[in-house]
Protein backbone atom coordinates (compact mmCIF):
# COMPACT_ATOMS: atom_id res chain seq x y z
CA MET A 1 87.20 118.77 106.48
CA THR A 2 90.72 118.52 107.90
CA GLY A 3 93.49 116.48 106.31
CA THR A 4 93.23 113.79 108.98
CA GLU A 5 89.49 113.34 108.34
CA ARG A 6 89.68 112.62 104.61
CA ASP A 7 87.60 109.86 103.06
CA PHE A 8 90.29 107.91 101.21
CA THR A 9 91.35 104.48 100.00
CA LEU A 10 94.90 103.34 100.71
CA VAL A 11 96.56 101.05 98.14
CA LEU A 12 99.63 98.96 98.99
CA GLY A 13 101.27 97.39 95.94
CA GLY A 14 103.53 94.40 95.43
CA GLY A 15 107.31 94.33 95.19
CA GLY A 16 108.70 91.37 97.11
CA MET A 17 110.93 92.35 100.00
CA LYS A 18 110.76 95.98 98.88
CA GLY A 19 107.22 95.84 100.24
CA LEU A 20 108.54 96.03 103.79
CA ALA A 21 108.49 99.77 103.09
CA HIS A 22 104.71 99.52 103.55
CA ILE A 23 105.29 98.91 107.25
CA GLY A 24 107.16 102.18 107.59
CA ALA A 25 104.38 103.88 105.65
CA LEU A 26 101.76 102.56 108.08
CA THR A 27 103.88 103.79 111.00
CA ALA A 28 103.72 107.26 109.44
CA PHE A 29 99.94 107.03 108.97
CA GLU A 30 99.53 106.09 112.63
CA GLU A 31 101.81 108.91 113.73
CA LYS A 32 99.83 111.44 111.68
CA GLY A 33 96.47 110.05 112.80
CA PHE A 34 95.63 109.75 109.10
CA PHE A 35 93.62 106.55 108.70
CA PRO A 36 92.06 105.22 105.48
CA THR A 37 88.39 104.45 105.05
CA ASP A 38 89.35 101.19 103.36
CA MET A 39 92.36 99.46 101.82
CA VAL A 40 93.40 97.51 98.73
CA GLY A 41 96.45 95.23 98.84
CA SER A 42 98.39 93.19 96.32
CA SER A 43 101.07 90.57 97.06
CA ILE A 44 103.21 91.67 100.04
CA GLY A 45 101.05 94.79 100.18
CA ALA A 46 98.10 92.49 100.86
CA LEU A 47 99.99 90.76 103.69
CA VAL A 48 100.95 94.03 105.41
CA ALA A 49 97.49 95.54 104.89
CA ALA A 50 95.76 92.42 106.23
CA ALA A 51 97.82 92.37 109.42
CA TRP A 52 97.10 96.07 110.01
CA CYS A 53 93.38 95.73 109.26
CA ALA A 54 93.24 92.77 111.64
CA GLY A 55 94.35 95.05 114.47
CA ALA A 56 98.14 94.67 114.61
CA ALA A 57 100.06 97.89 115.27
CA ALA A 58 102.64 98.91 112.67
CA GLU A 59 105.40 98.62 115.30
CA ASP A 60 104.45 95.00 116.01
CA ILE A 61 104.49 94.16 112.29
CA LYS A 62 107.86 95.91 112.01
CA GLN A 63 109.41 93.76 114.74
CA LEU A 64 108.40 90.64 112.85
CA ALA A 65 109.60 91.99 109.51
CA ILE A 66 113.07 93.18 110.47
CA HIS A 67 113.99 89.72 111.73
CA VAL A 68 112.57 87.64 108.87
CA LYS A 69 115.15 85.69 106.87
CA GLN A 70 115.06 84.13 103.44
CA ARG A 71 114.63 80.60 104.78
CA ASP A 72 111.54 81.75 106.71
CA LEU A 73 109.73 82.35 103.42
CA PHE A 74 111.61 80.70 100.58
CA ARG A 75 112.93 77.15 100.59
CA LEU A 76 113.71 75.44 97.33
CA ALA A 77 111.28 72.72 96.30
CA HIS A 78 114.06 70.17 95.72
CA ARG A 79 111.79 67.13 95.68
CA GLU A 80 109.16 68.54 93.33
CA MET A 81 111.80 69.88 90.95
CA ALA A 82 113.66 66.56 90.91
CA LEU A 83 110.51 64.50 90.28
CA LYS A 84 108.49 66.84 88.07
CA ARG A 85 111.22 68.99 86.53
CA LEU A 86 109.56 71.68 84.40
CA ARG A 87 106.14 70.55 85.63
CA SER A 88 107.02 71.48 89.21
CA PRO A 89 104.37 73.97 90.48
CA GLY A 90 106.99 76.39 91.77
CA LEU A 91 110.65 77.02 92.43
CA TYR A 92 109.98 77.28 96.18
CA ARG A 93 107.87 75.27 98.61
CA ARG A 94 104.49 76.63 99.63
CA GLU A 95 104.65 75.64 103.33
CA PRO A 96 107.00 78.35 104.73
CA LEU A 97 104.88 81.22 103.38
CA GLN A 98 101.69 79.56 104.58
CA GLN A 99 103.09 79.15 108.08
CA VAL A 100 104.13 82.81 108.27
CA VAL A 101 100.80 84.11 106.97
CA HIS A 102 98.67 81.86 109.19
CA GLY A 103 100.87 82.81 112.15
CA MET A 104 100.10 86.48 111.55
CA LEU A 105 96.41 86.24 110.66
CA GLY A 106 95.06 83.00 112.11
CA ASP A 107 91.51 82.18 110.95
CA VAL A 108 90.17 85.74 110.83
CA THR A 109 87.78 86.39 107.92
CA PHE A 110 87.26 89.61 106.00
CA GLN A 111 84.07 90.19 107.94
CA ASP A 112 86.10 90.27 111.17
CA LEU A 113 88.55 92.98 110.08
CA GLU A 114 88.61 96.40 111.73
CA ARG A 115 88.48 98.18 108.35
CA PRO A 116 87.40 96.98 104.88
CA LEU A 117 90.11 95.30 102.80
CA LEU A 118 90.25 94.01 99.23
CA VAL A 119 92.98 91.50 98.32
CA ASN A 120 94.02 91.37 94.67
CA THR A 121 94.39 87.89 93.08
CA VAL A 122 94.10 86.27 89.66
CA ASP A 123 92.51 82.93 88.77
CA VAL A 124 95.41 81.13 87.08
CA ASN A 125 93.12 79.11 84.81
CA THR A 126 90.70 81.79 83.62
CA GLY A 127 92.81 84.94 84.00
CA THR A 128 90.00 86.56 85.99
CA GLN A 129 90.90 89.18 88.58
CA VAL A 130 89.27 88.20 91.88
CA LEU A 131 89.10 90.72 94.73
CA TRP A 132 88.66 88.87 97.99
CA GLY A 133 86.82 90.91 100.59
CA ALA A 134 84.25 92.16 98.10
CA PRO A 135 80.59 91.27 98.75
CA GLY A 136 80.12 87.53 98.34
CA LEU A 137 83.89 87.00 98.63
CA ASP A 138 84.32 88.07 102.25
CA ASP A 139 83.54 84.91 104.20
CA ILE A 140 86.86 83.10 103.70
CA PRO A 141 89.94 83.31 105.93
CA VAL A 142 91.95 86.39 105.00
CA ALA A 143 95.09 84.24 105.19
CA ASP A 144 93.97 82.21 102.16
CA ALA A 145 93.50 85.33 100.03
CA VAL A 146 96.86 86.74 101.13
CA ILE A 147 98.71 83.50 100.35
CA ALA A 148 97.15 83.50 96.88
CA SER A 149 98.08 87.14 96.33
CA CYS A 150 101.69 86.41 97.33
CA SER A 151 101.99 83.38 95.04
CA LEU A 152 104.28 84.86 92.40
CA PRO A 153 104.04 82.71 89.25
CA GLY A 154 106.98 80.39 88.79
CA TYR A 155 108.28 80.99 92.29
CA LEU A 156 105.39 79.75 94.44
CA PRO A 157 102.55 77.38 93.49
CA PRO A 158 99.07 78.82 92.92
CA HIS A 159 96.90 78.63 96.03
CA GLU A 160 93.59 76.77 96.08
CA ILE A 161 90.45 78.51 97.36
CA ARG A 162 87.02 76.95 96.92
CA GLY A 163 88.28 74.52 94.30
CA ARG A 164 89.90 77.21 92.13
CA HIS A 165 93.56 78.17 91.98
CA PHE A 166 94.80 81.73 92.38
CA MET A 167 98.11 83.54 91.95
CA ASP A 168 99.67 86.95 92.53
CA GLY A 169 97.38 89.80 91.46
CA ALA A 170 100.38 91.50 89.81
CA ALA A 171 99.53 89.45 86.72
CA VAL A 172 96.67 91.94 86.22
CA SER A 173 97.68 94.96 88.30
CA ASN A 174 100.54 95.17 90.78
CA LEU A 175 99.26 98.53 92.05
CA PRO A 176 95.46 98.06 91.76
CA LEU A 177 94.50 101.70 91.42
CA GLY A 178 91.50 101.03 89.22
CA VAL A 179 89.99 99.04 92.07
CA ALA A 180 90.56 101.96 94.42
CA ALA A 181 89.01 104.46 92.01
CA ALA A 182 85.85 102.35 91.89
CA ARG A 183 85.46 102.82 95.67
CA GLU A 184 84.45 106.44 94.92
CA ARG A 185 86.32 108.09 97.78
CA ASP A 186 87.48 111.70 97.51
CA LEU A 187 91.16 110.68 97.50
CA VAL A 188 93.33 107.67 96.69
CA VAL A 189 96.70 107.26 98.41
CA ALA A 190 99.03 104.62 96.96
CA VAL A 191 102.38 103.34 98.18
CA ASP A 192 104.29 102.09 95.13
CA VAL A 193 107.32 99.86 95.74
CA GLY A 194 107.41 98.16 92.32
CA SER A 195 109.74 100.60 90.55
CA SER A 196 112.43 99.10 88.31
CA GLY A 197 113.92 102.28 86.87
CA VAL A 198 117.33 102.02 88.51
CA LEU A 199 120.27 100.60 86.55
CA LYS A 200 121.10 97.06 87.68
CA ALA A 201 124.49 95.93 86.44
CA ASP A 202 125.28 92.36 85.36
CA MET A 203 121.68 91.14 85.56
CA HIS A 204 122.41 88.91 82.54
CA LEU A 205 124.84 86.97 84.73
CA ALA A 206 122.54 86.58 87.75
CA GLY A 207 120.75 83.40 86.69
CA PHE A 208 117.34 82.64 85.25
CA ALA A 209 115.39 83.31 88.47
CA ALA A 210 116.90 86.79 88.87
CA VAL A 211 116.39 87.62 85.19
CA TYR A 212 112.78 86.43 85.39
CA ALA A 213 112.18 88.59 88.47
CA ARG A 214 113.73 91.55 86.64
CA ALA A 215 111.42 90.96 83.67
CA ILE A 216 108.43 91.00 86.02
CA GLU A 217 109.62 94.29 87.54
CA ILE A 218 109.95 95.90 84.11
CA ALA A 219 106.52 94.71 82.99
CA ILE A 220 104.97 95.98 86.23
CA GLU A 221 106.67 99.36 85.83
CA ASN A 222 105.50 99.91 82.28
CA ARG A 223 101.91 98.86 83.00
CA ARG A 224 101.82 101.17 86.04
CA THR A 225 103.18 104.11 84.06
CA SER A 226 100.65 103.65 81.26
CA MET A 227 97.79 103.63 83.76
CA LEU A 228 99.01 106.65 85.72
CA ARG A 229 99.39 108.77 82.59
CA LEU A 230 95.64 108.44 82.06
CA TRP A 231 94.66 109.02 85.71
CA ASP A 232 92.12 111.77 86.27
CA GLN A 233 89.91 111.36 89.36
CA PRO A 234 89.75 110.98 92.25
CA PRO A 235 93.02 112.79 92.95
CA LEU A 236 95.87 110.37 93.62
CA LEU A 237 98.68 110.92 96.12
CA LEU A 238 101.51 108.65 94.95
CA ILE A 239 104.11 107.73 97.57
CA GLN A 240 107.27 106.13 96.13
CA PRO A 241 109.83 105.00 98.71
CA ARG A 242 113.33 104.89 97.21
CA VAL A 243 113.71 101.12 97.33
CA GLU A 244 114.37 100.44 93.64
CA ARG A 245 118.01 99.56 94.36
CA PHE A 246 116.89 96.49 96.28
CA GLY A 247 115.89 93.25 94.58
CA MET A 248 112.52 91.57 95.02
CA PHE A 249 114.21 88.85 97.07
CA SER A 250 116.79 91.04 98.78
CA PHE A 251 117.08 90.04 102.42
CA GLY A 252 119.45 91.67 104.88
CA HIS A 253 118.18 95.23 104.36
CA ASN A 254 114.86 94.83 106.15
CA ARG A 255 115.23 97.67 108.64
CA GLU A 256 116.57 100.04 106.00
CA ILE A 257 113.60 99.34 103.71
CA VAL A 258 111.08 99.85 106.52
CA GLU A 259 112.70 103.16 107.47
CA GLU A 260 112.66 104.37 103.87
CA GLY A 261 108.91 103.70 103.71
CA TYR A 262 108.46 105.84 106.82
CA ARG A 263 110.63 108.67 105.47
CA ALA A 264 108.87 108.79 102.10
CA THR A 265 105.40 108.79 103.67
CA ILE A 266 106.16 111.46 106.26
CA ASP A 267 107.55 113.62 103.48
CA ALA A 268 104.52 113.07 101.22
CA LEU A 269 101.89 113.67 103.90
CA GLY A 270 103.45 116.75 105.46
CA ASP A 271 100.98 118.06 108.03
CA CYS A 272 98.06 116.61 105.97
CA SER A 273 96.69 120.13 105.38
CA GLU A 274 97.93 120.48 101.79
CA LEU A 275 96.68 117.21 100.33
CA PRO A 276 94.84 117.52 96.99
CA GLU A 277 91.22 118.61 97.32
CA PRO A 278 88.43 116.24 96.19
CA SER A 279 87.89 118.40 93.09
CA ALA A 280 91.54 118.11 91.98
CA HIS A 281 92.52 116.06 88.95
CA GLY A 282 95.53 113.83 88.32
CA VAL A 283 98.53 112.56 90.25
CA PHE A 284 100.25 114.33 93.16
CA PRO A 285 102.61 115.61 94.56
CA ARG A 286 103.74 117.99 91.85
CA GLU A 287 107.12 119.65 91.72
CA ARG A 288 109.00 122.00 89.44
CA TYR A 289 111.76 120.31 87.44
CA ALA A 290 114.58 121.52 85.20
CA VAL A 291 115.03 119.46 82.02
CA SER A 292 118.22 119.26 79.99
CA VAL A 293 119.89 117.19 77.25
CA ASP A 294 123.57 116.23 77.26
CA ARG A 295 124.39 116.79 73.58
CA GLU A 296 127.59 114.78 73.77
CA HIS A 297 125.65 111.69 74.73
CA CYS A 298 122.58 112.32 72.56
CA ILE A 299 122.57 110.14 69.43
CA GLY A 300 119.36 111.51 67.92
CA CYS A 301 117.43 108.23 68.15
CA GLY A 302 114.15 110.01 68.93
CA ALA A 303 113.24 107.96 72.02
CA CYS A 304 112.49 111.21 73.88
CA LEU A 305 109.97 112.16 71.18
CA ILE A 306 108.20 108.82 71.63
CA HIS A 307 108.23 108.51 75.43
CA GLY A 308 108.47 112.11 76.61
CA PRO A 309 105.62 114.60 77.07
CA PRO A 310 104.26 115.80 73.70
CA GLY A 311 106.15 118.80 72.37
CA LEU A 312 108.82 118.85 75.08
CA PHE A 313 111.61 117.66 72.77
CA GLN A 314 112.48 118.25 69.15
CA LEU A 315 115.46 117.40 66.94
CA ASP A 316 117.58 120.32 65.67
CA GLU A 317 119.42 120.63 62.34
CA SER A 318 122.21 118.35 63.57
CA GLY A 319 119.76 115.63 64.60
CA LYS A 320 120.29 116.18 68.32
CA ALA A 321 117.44 116.52 70.83
CA VAL A 322 116.74 119.94 72.33
CA VAL A 323 114.30 120.94 75.09
CA THR A 324 111.55 123.38 74.11
CA ALA A 325 110.73 124.42 77.71
CA SER A 326 113.46 123.91 80.30
CA GLU A 327 111.19 124.03 83.38
CA GLN A 328 108.13 121.85 83.95
CA VAL A 329 105.71 121.19 86.81
CA TRP A 330 105.25 117.42 86.99
CA SER A 331 103.89 114.61 89.12
CA PRO A 332 106.19 111.59 89.78
CA VAL A 333 104.80 109.60 86.85
CA GLU A 334 105.64 112.28 84.30
CA VAL A 335 109.36 111.92 84.99
CA ASP A 336 109.44 108.20 84.13
CA PHE A 337 110.30 108.83 80.48
CA VAL A 338 113.89 109.72 81.43
CA ARG A 339 114.88 106.06 81.82
CA GLN A 340 113.82 105.37 78.22
CA CYS A 341 116.80 107.26 76.78
CA PRO A 342 119.30 104.54 75.72
CA THR A 343 122.34 106.78 76.31
CA TYR A 344 121.11 108.45 79.53
CA ALA A 345 121.38 111.85 77.85
CA ILE A 346 118.31 113.41 79.51
CA GLY A 347 118.67 115.14 82.85
CA VAL A 348 115.72 116.03 85.10
CA HIS A 349 116.35 117.74 88.43
CA PRO A 350 113.99 119.33 91.01
CA VAL A 351 114.12 123.11 91.16
CA GLU A 352 114.44 124.49 94.67
CA GLY A 353 111.55 126.70 95.72
């Protein structure tokens, strides 16, 4: 079986405007002729996946995305907030998002799509994860499921489907890898745009909405990391476009974000001949890294012992952290512990060759 004939599920996660990187990723998949057997989407990942599964080319989706502005999606719900105050269903009005989604998808149902798609949502009243597109849940307009999956709590009102109200699936899993694993393909490929590891200065001064969004990013990151550390099979190819410097509602960088998604995916796929075999275990790609500790900055708090790989660090006689093995072969998830050092004393750098 060649790389371009693999039986795999493609997962596109949430991340607000950072999710425009998914469009660049799909451009790379088209260019490589590497098409998934089925897809799972959450939040903006659900919107991009739905448009692609409905037959839109990645280039057409890109042309829409690079010109979208904040007012096209988010307009403050002045009236509801004035009348209902804290009982307002959302900070923003629901109509702009609905118009955009319906304009892209029309009335197409899951049964009409060119490839199978699951859209990740959560019932706001019961907390139940509901995957639209699954058997028995595939006869509704895809647009309704996508609107629900994009309804970030607090920002947009929950969306009603069949008398129940649904919100963003990130409340359960922003990168729904468990759903993909249950599809029993021989490979899972995931595009993760929800990273929050980068330092963001002066967030405490940015207002409650920005701080709330930052809290969501951090919660998503930690839940994702916990899940990936336990991942075994099927093998997972994790693609992480470098979009963490952008905010969830960062407009004005649309083209740059799309292009970064393309770059990261082209780099991860290579010529598709060296993707992990079906019998492989864990998360890929794997690289060799050099690990070090800046002793001047180390305060001996022991965070590296708690969050780092078991046995990699120990405290010496002076109470400072030292590395027991300076070179490691790791997947992307195994490097996440670095951001847990409160003084940024740990250095991890790829080793050439």
